[in-house]
Protein backbone atom coordinates (compact mmCIF):
# COMPACT_ATOMS: atom_id res chain seq x y z
CA MET A 1 29.78 -19.05 73.22
CA HIS A 2 29.64 -22.22 75.36
CA SER A 3 28.62 -25.45 73.65
CA GLY A 4 25.85 -26.04 76.14
CA ASP A 5 24.08 -22.90 74.95
CA VAL A 6 23.22 -24.47 71.58
CA ASN A 7 20.39 -26.98 71.19
CA ASP A 8 20.23 -29.88 68.87
CA ASN A 9 19.09 -27.79 65.97
CA GLY A 10 22.11 -25.47 66.22
CA ARG A 11 20.14 -22.53 67.72
CA VAL A 12 20.92 -20.61 70.84
CA ASN A 13 18.89 -21.65 73.88
CA PRO A 14 17.38 -18.48 75.34
CA HIS A 15 16.33 -20.14 78.58
CA ARG A 16 19.82 -21.20 79.66
CA PRO A 17 22.02 -18.49 81.09
CA SER A 18 25.35 -17.97 79.51
CA LEU A 19 28.41 -18.43 81.72
CA THR A 20 30.10 -15.59 79.93
CA ARG A 21 27.28 -13.16 80.79
CA ALA A 22 27.29 -14.38 84.42
CA ALA A 23 31.01 -13.73 84.72
CA ALA A 24 30.64 -10.28 83.24
CA LEU A 25 27.84 -9.52 85.70
CA ALA A 26 29.98 -10.58 88.65
CA VAL A 27 32.83 -8.29 87.51
CA ALA A 28 30.44 -5.34 87.17
CA ILE A 29 29.11 -5.88 90.73
CA ALA A 30 32.64 -6.05 92.11
CA VAL A 31 33.59 -2.83 90.39
CA LEU A 32 30.45 -1.14 91.62
CA MET A 33 31.12 -2.22 95.24
CA GLY A 34 34.67 -0.99 94.99
CA CYS A 35 33.47 2.44 93.87
CA THR A 36 31.00 2.74 96.71
CA THR A 37 33.47 1.77 99.47
CA GLY A 38 36.22 4.00 98.23
CA SER A 39 38.75 1.08 98.46
CA THR A 40 41.18 0.25 95.75
CA THR A 41 41.04 -3.48 96.61
CA SER A 42 38.03 -5.55 95.84
CA SER A 43 36.35 -7.50 98.63
CA PRO A 44 34.38 -10.75 98.19
CA PRO A 45 30.68 -10.21 97.72
CA SER A 46 28.52 -10.71 100.75
CA THR A 47 26.37 -13.82 100.76
CA GLY A 48 23.94 -12.50 103.39
CA PRO A 49 20.91 -10.39 102.81
CA VAL A 50 21.58 -6.74 101.99
CA ALA A 51 19.86 -4.26 104.27
CA PRO A 52 17.89 -1.69 102.33
CA ARG A 53 19.31 1.83 102.32
CA PRO A 54 17.14 4.43 103.99
CA ILE A 55 15.49 6.82 101.56
CA PRO A 56 15.75 10.43 102.72
CA ALA A 57 12.43 12.03 103.37
CA ALA A 58 11.46 14.59 100.79
CA SER A 59 11.70 18.14 102.05
CA PRO A 60 8.35 19.86 102.19
CA SER A 61 7.60 22.13 99.25
CA PRO A 62 7.67 25.81 100.20
CA SER A 63 4.27 27.32 100.38
CA PRO A 64 3.70 29.93 97.65
CA LEU A 65 4.22 33.52 98.74
CA PRO A 66 1.29 35.85 98.43
CA ASP A 67 1.44 38.21 95.44
CA THR A 68 3.25 41.39 96.41
CA PRO A 69 1.74 44.44 94.77
CA VAL A 70 4.19 46.31 92.49
CA VAL A 71 4.37 49.94 93.57
CA PRO A 72 5.65 52.14 90.70
CA LEU A 73 8.39 54.63 91.50
CA PRO A 74 7.21 58.20 91.58
CA PRO A 75 8.25 60.22 88.52
CA PRO A 76 11.14 62.62 89.00
CA PRO A 77 10.00 66.08 90.03
CA THR A 78 9.45 68.48 87.16
CA PRO A 79 11.88 71.40 87.38
CA ALA A 80 10.17 74.66 88.20
CA ARG A 81 9.85 76.96 85.22
CA ILE A 82 11.57 80.31 85.70
CA TYR A 83 10.36 83.51 84.06
CA GLU A 84 12.00 86.87 83.65
CA ASP A 85 10.47 89.66 85.76
CA LEU A 86 10.20 92.27 83.02
CA SER A 87 8.94 90.26 80.05
CA GLY A 88 7.55 87.02 81.48
CA ILE A 89 9.69 85.05 79.01
CA GLU A 90 11.12 81.77 80.27
CA THR A 91 14.78 81.93 81.23
CA THR A 92 17.19 80.59 83.88
CA ALA A 93 17.21 81.30 87.61
CA ASP A 94 20.49 83.22 87.46
CA ARG A 95 19.08 85.66 84.87
CA ALA A 96 15.43 86.02 85.79
CA HIS A 97 15.96 88.68 88.47
CA ARG A 98 18.99 90.64 87.28
CA TYR A 99 19.12 94.38 87.89
CA PRO A 100 17.34 96.20 85.01
CA ILE A 101 19.49 98.39 82.77
CA ALA A 102 17.80 101.04 80.61
CA VAL A 103 19.59 102.52 77.60
CA MET A 104 18.51 105.48 75.45
CA LEU A 105 18.81 104.65 71.74
CA ASP A 106 18.76 106.85 68.67
CA ASP A 107 16.12 106.30 65.98
CA ALA A 108 17.08 108.93 63.45
CA PRO A 109 17.40 107.52 59.91
CA ALA A 110 21.19 107.95 60.08
CA ALA A 111 21.27 105.79 63.24
CA ARG A 112 19.64 102.75 61.69
CA PRO A 113 19.97 99.85 62.04
CA GLN A 114 20.38 99.98 65.80
CA ALA A 115 22.28 97.37 67.78
CA GLY A 116 20.94 95.50 70.79
CA LEU A 117 17.19 95.94 70.41
CA SER A 118 16.55 92.23 69.91
CA GLU A 119 18.08 91.38 73.30
CA ALA A 120 16.00 93.91 75.25
CA SER A 121 13.28 92.71 77.61
CA VAL A 122 11.13 95.84 77.23
CA VAL A 123 11.39 98.56 74.58
CA TRP A 124 9.80 101.98 74.90
CA GLN A 125 9.39 104.24 71.86
CA ALA A 126 8.29 107.87 71.95
CA PRO A 127 8.91 111.01 69.88
CA VAL A 128 11.30 113.75 70.97
CA GLU A 129 11.86 117.24 69.55
CA GLY A 130 11.24 117.45 65.82
CA GLY A 131 9.00 114.39 65.89
CA ILE A 132 11.89 111.94 65.57
CA PRO A 133 11.20 108.84 67.69
CA ARG A 134 13.65 107.55 70.24
CA TYR A 135 13.92 104.19 71.99
CA MET A 136 14.64 103.15 75.55
CA ALA A 137 15.68 99.50 75.71
CA VAL A 138 15.55 97.80 79.13
CA TYR A 139 17.74 94.72 79.61
CA GLN A 140 17.43 91.96 82.18
CA ALA A 141 17.88 88.30 81.17
CA LYS A 142 19.69 88.69 77.85
CA ASP A 143 23.02 90.33 77.04
CA ALA A 144 23.90 92.33 73.95
CA ALA A 145 27.42 92.43 72.55
CA SER A 146 26.71 95.86 71.10
CA ILE A 147 24.14 98.49 72.14
CA GLY A 148 23.66 101.75 70.31
CA PRO A 149 23.72 104.40 69.11
CA VAL A 150 23.29 105.84 72.64
CA ARG A 151 21.53 109.22 72.78
CA SER A 152 20.41 111.81 75.29
CA ALA A 153 17.88 111.56 78.11
CA ARG A 154 14.30 112.83 78.26
CA LEU A 155 12.20 113.22 81.40
CA TYR A 156 9.36 110.90 80.34
CA PHE A 157 11.84 108.10 79.60
CA VAL A 158 13.35 108.63 83.05
CA ARG A 159 9.90 108.18 84.60
CA TRP A 160 9.47 104.87 82.77
CA ALA A 161 12.91 103.67 83.86
CA ALA A 162 12.02 104.65 87.44
CA GLU A 163 9.47 101.82 87.59
CA TRP A 164 12.41 99.53 88.43
CA GLU A 165 14.88 102.21 89.59
CA ALA A 166 16.93 101.03 86.63
CA LEU A 167 20.51 101.84 85.81
CA TYR A 168 19.89 104.59 83.22
CA LEU A 169 22.46 105.00 80.45
CA HIS A 170 22.22 108.13 78.28
CA ALA A 171 24.49 110.64 76.59
CA GLY A 172 23.64 114.00 78.11
CA GLY A 173 20.27 115.67 77.78
CA PRO A 174 18.57 119.01 78.50
CA PRO A 175 20.72 120.90 81.06
CA PRO A 176 18.05 120.97 83.84
CA LEU A 177 17.51 117.20 83.46
CA LYS A 178 21.23 116.49 83.47
CA LEU A 179 21.68 118.43 86.70
CA TRP A 180 18.73 116.68 88.31
CA LEU A 181 20.01 113.23 87.28
CA ARG A 182 23.43 113.99 88.76
CA GLY A 183 21.92 115.28 91.97
CA ASP A 184 20.37 113.63 94.99
CA GLN A 185 17.59 111.74 93.22
CA ASP A 186 16.58 108.12 93.73
CA LEU A 187 14.38 107.42 90.72
CA VAL A 188 17.14 105.92 88.58
CA VAL A 189 20.83 105.11 88.86
CA ASN A 190 22.45 107.72 86.62
CA ALA A 191 25.02 106.40 84.12
CA ASP A 192 25.58 109.42 81.89
CA GLY A 193 28.04 108.30 79.21
CA LYS A 194 29.42 105.43 81.31
CA ARG A 195 31.11 102.47 79.63
CA THR A 196 30.59 103.88 76.14
CA ARG A 197 32.90 104.40 73.18
CA ARG A 198 32.84 106.17 69.84
CA VAL A 199 33.05 103.97 66.74
CA SER A 200 34.81 105.06 63.58
CA TRP A 201 32.39 103.59 61.07
CA ARG A 202 29.56 106.01 61.90
CA ALA A 203 29.39 109.78 62.00
CA ALA A 204 28.68 111.66 65.25
CA PRO A 205 26.34 111.93 67.05
CA HIS A 206 25.19 108.46 65.92
CA ASN A 207 28.39 106.62 66.87
CA LEU A 208 28.27 106.12 70.66
CA TYR A 209 28.00 102.45 71.67
CA SER A 210 28.13 100.28 74.80
CA THR A 211 27.85 96.61 75.79
CA SER A 212 25.85 94.64 78.35
CA ARG A 213 29.05 93.30 79.85
CA GLY A 214 30.48 96.76 80.42
CA LEU A 215 27.25 98.14 81.87
CA ARG A 216 26.79 95.25 84.31
CA SER A 217 30.36 95.67 85.44
CA TYR A 218 29.71 99.36 86.10
CA ALA A 219 26.39 98.62 87.81
CA ARG A 220 28.12 96.58 90.49
CA THR A 221 30.17 99.63 91.48
CA VAL A 222 27.20 101.96 91.99
CA GLY A 223 24.77 99.85 93.99
CA ALA A 224 22.97 98.30 91.02
CA ALA A 225 24.23 94.74 91.31
CA ASP A 226 21.81 91.87 90.81
CA ASP A 227 21.35 91.52 94.59
CA ASP A 228 20.31 95.19 94.92
CA LEU A 229 16.85 94.96 93.36
CA VAL A 230 14.45 97.59 94.69
CA TYR A 231 11.54 95.15 94.42
CA ASP A 232 10.99 91.65 95.78
CA PRO A 233 10.19 89.32 92.86
CA SER A 234 8.48 86.86 95.24
CA ALA A 235 6.20 89.43 96.87
CA PRO A 236 2.55 89.25 95.71
CA GLY A 237 1.81 92.08 93.31
CA ALA A 238 5.42 93.22 93.05
CA ILE A 239 5.64 92.15 89.41
CA GLN A 240 2.91 92.39 86.81
CA GLN A 241 1.99 88.80 86.02
CA PHE A 242 1.93 87.70 82.38
CA ARG A 243 -0.63 85.38 80.93
CA ASP A 244 0.36 82.30 78.95
CA GLY A 245 0.33 82.64 75.19
CA ALA A 246 -3.15 82.52 73.72
CA ALA A 247 -4.21 79.80 71.32
CA GLU A 248 -3.85 80.71 67.67
CA ALA A 249 -7.59 81.29 67.33
CA GLY A 250 -7.38 84.03 69.94
CA ARG A 251 -4.35 85.88 68.59
CA GLY A 252 -6.12 88.44 66.48
CA PRO A 253 -6.15 88.87 62.70
CA GLU A 254 -3.52 87.40 60.44
CA ARG A 255 -0.48 89.59 59.73
CA SER A 256 -1.46 92.12 62.37
CA ARG A 257 0.00 95.56 61.83
CA ILE A 258 0.46 98.48 64.19
CA SER A 259 1.27 101.75 62.45
CA LEU A 260 2.29 104.99 64.18
CA ARG A 261 2.66 108.31 62.39
CA TYR A 262 5.16 110.79 63.72
CA THR A 263 5.90 114.26 62.41
CA SER A 264 8.94 113.03 60.52
CA GLU A 265 7.94 109.49 59.56
CA ARG A 266 5.65 106.52 60.00
CA VAL A 267 6.67 103.54 62.13
CA ALA A 268 5.02 100.15 61.64
CA TYR A 269 5.17 96.86 63.56
CA LEU A 270 4.21 93.58 61.88
CA TYR A 271 3.14 90.45 63.73
CA ASP A 272 2.85 86.83 62.53
CA ARG A 273 -0.25 85.20 64.00
CA ALA A 274 0.74 81.56 63.42
CA SER A 275 4.15 81.69 65.06
CA ASN A 276 3.15 84.27 67.70
CA ILE A 277 6.32 86.27 67.02
CA PRO A 278 7.18 89.41 65.03
CA LEU A 279 6.86 88.86 61.31
CA TYR A 280 10.57 89.18 60.55
CA ASP A 281 12.76 86.38 61.81
CA ALA A 282 16.08 85.80 60.04
CA ALA A 283 16.17 82.17 61.20
CA ARG A 284 13.07 81.44 59.11
CA VAL A 285 14.76 82.50 55.85
CA VAL A 286 15.84 79.40 53.91
CA CYS A 287 16.64 80.80 50.45
CA PRO A 288 20.14 82.04 49.48
CA VAL A 289 20.92 85.55 50.74
CA LEU A 290 23.58 88.01 49.57
CA LEU A 291 24.70 90.65 52.07
CA ILE A 292 26.85 93.49 50.72
CA ARG A 293 28.25 96.26 52.87
CA GLY A 294 30.57 99.15 52.04
CA THR A 295 33.36 100.06 54.43
CA GLN A 296 32.16 103.69 54.48
CA ASP A 297 28.52 102.81 55.14
CA GLY A 298 27.43 105.02 58.06
CA ALA A 299 24.00 103.39 58.33
CA SER A 300 25.21 99.81 58.71
CA ALA A 301 27.97 98.60 61.02
CA ASP A 302 30.08 95.53 60.32
CA PRO A 303 29.14 93.82 63.64
CA GLU A 304 25.45 94.32 62.84
CA ALA A 305 25.82 92.93 59.33
CA LEU A 306 27.74 89.94 60.68
CA GLY A 307 25.05 89.46 63.31
CA LEU A 308 22.42 89.27 60.57
CA PHE A 309 24.62 86.92 58.55
CA HIS A 310 24.93 84.50 61.47
CA ALA A 311 21.21 84.84 62.27
CA LEU A 312 20.47 83.50 58.76
CA ARG A 313 21.45 80.05 60.02
CA ASN A 314 18.95 78.20 57.83
CA SER A 315 19.82 80.04 54.63
CA TRP A 316 21.80 77.81 52.30
CA GLY A 317 24.30 79.51 50.03
CA LYS A 318 24.40 82.77 52.01
CA ARG A 319 27.25 85.16 51.26
CA TYR A 320 28.69 88.27 52.92
CA VAL A 321 30.68 90.70 50.76
CA ILE A 322 32.51 93.87 51.86
CA LEU A 323 33.37 96.49 49.23
CA GLU A 324 36.08 99.04 49.97
CA ASP A 325 35.08 102.73 50.05
CA GLY A 326 31.43 101.95 49.45
CA THR A 327 28.67 103.82 51.28
CA HIS A 328 25.00 103.08 51.83
CA PHE A 329 24.30 104.26 48.26
CA MET A 330 26.88 102.25 46.32
CA GLU A 331 24.51 101.76 43.38
CA LEU A 332 24.88 105.49 42.63
CA GLU A 333 28.63 105.75 43.20
CA LYS A 334 31.88 104.80 41.51
CA ARG A 335 31.83 101.31 43.07
CA ARG A 336 28.51 100.45 41.47
CA LEU A 337 30.15 98.23 38.81
CA GLU A 338 31.68 96.02 41.55
CA LEU A 339 28.33 95.95 43.32
CA LEU A 340 26.49 94.82 40.19
CA THR A 341 29.19 92.23 39.43
CA GLU A 342 28.76 90.67 42.87
CA VAL A 343 24.99 90.57 42.45
CA GLN A 344 25.23 88.99 38.99
CA SER A 345 27.73 86.38 40.17
CA PHE A 346 25.46 85.48 43.08
CA LEU A 347 22.38 85.11 40.86
CA GLU A 348 24.19 82.94 38.33
CA GLU A 349 25.35 80.37 40.86
C-alpha cells in the first residue's frame, strides 16, 4: 500500500485511487486488447476516442406455425376369418376347402373305441342289418393319424357321401352295391379297401385301419385332389351357411341328452350347455388318472390309449400302464393280481 493512501489517523483513504490498482487495471486492458487483435505483442493504448462497435440487429422471431391436426394411423386390417365348408368351424385357408373324404366305420361293441371320429367334420350314424349302428365320418380340415375300424358300404351312406361327391372309403359291401360303385357312376369316388392295413391287436373283421395322410395321397391319383372340388365354395347357396354360436341362454337345457334306441343297443349323446361342446372333454380333466391296457385287449388299441393319455394334458399325476397278456377283462383273469396292485399303488400315492 502506498503511504499517500493513509490519512493522519492511520486509516485508508477511500477517495484516493491506489496506484497499485491503477497499474493492475492498465495491465488487464493491455491483455484484453491483445486477445481481441490476435497479436502476440502488445500495442500502446489509444488515446483517442473509441468508436462504438455496431450492435447486430436482432433477427425477427419466427411467427408461430398454425396447429397441425394429428391424423391417427388407420388400424391394421383384421384378417378375414376362414371357415370350413362342411362344419362351419374356423380353420385356415389351406384346409377350409379340401376335398371331402368319407370313411365307413364299425360300431359293433368289439370295434370300440373307434379311431378318428374326433377329427371328422361331419359324422353320420345309422343302423345296418341286425340293428347294429354304423358310422360314416367325413373329413375335410382336420387329419387323423388313425381311422378305423373300416367296414362295408351301404347305399344310404353312399347317398349322403354323394352330397359332396366325396372320396368314399369302405371295405366291400353287398355285391350289387360293390359292382355299382366300381362301375361308371359319378356319385362318389370309390376307394374300396384303398390305403388300409390290418392291425394285429384286434380280431377280424374289426381290424382294418387307414390314415388321413394315406387317403389324401390316394385321392390325388383319382381326381379327388383339393383343387377338384365339385362345388364352388364362393358361389351363393353352394354351401349351407352356419349360424354363429348362440348365447348360453339360448342353448337349450343344461346337460342336454339325445338318446337313440336301436335293436341291439341304446346310443346316447351328452352336451354341456355352458361350454357349448360335448360333455366329455379329456382336456378338462384335472384329477390324477390311471390308464391300464392289456396287450391282448381287442377293444382298445395302444395308439388310441396313448391318444387319450396325451389328451389328458391338464391331469396331474396321470399314468399309463401296459400289462402283458391282459385282455379287456383283466379283472376276471390270471393277471388280475397285477391289475389290482397297480390300482392300489396309484391310489396310495
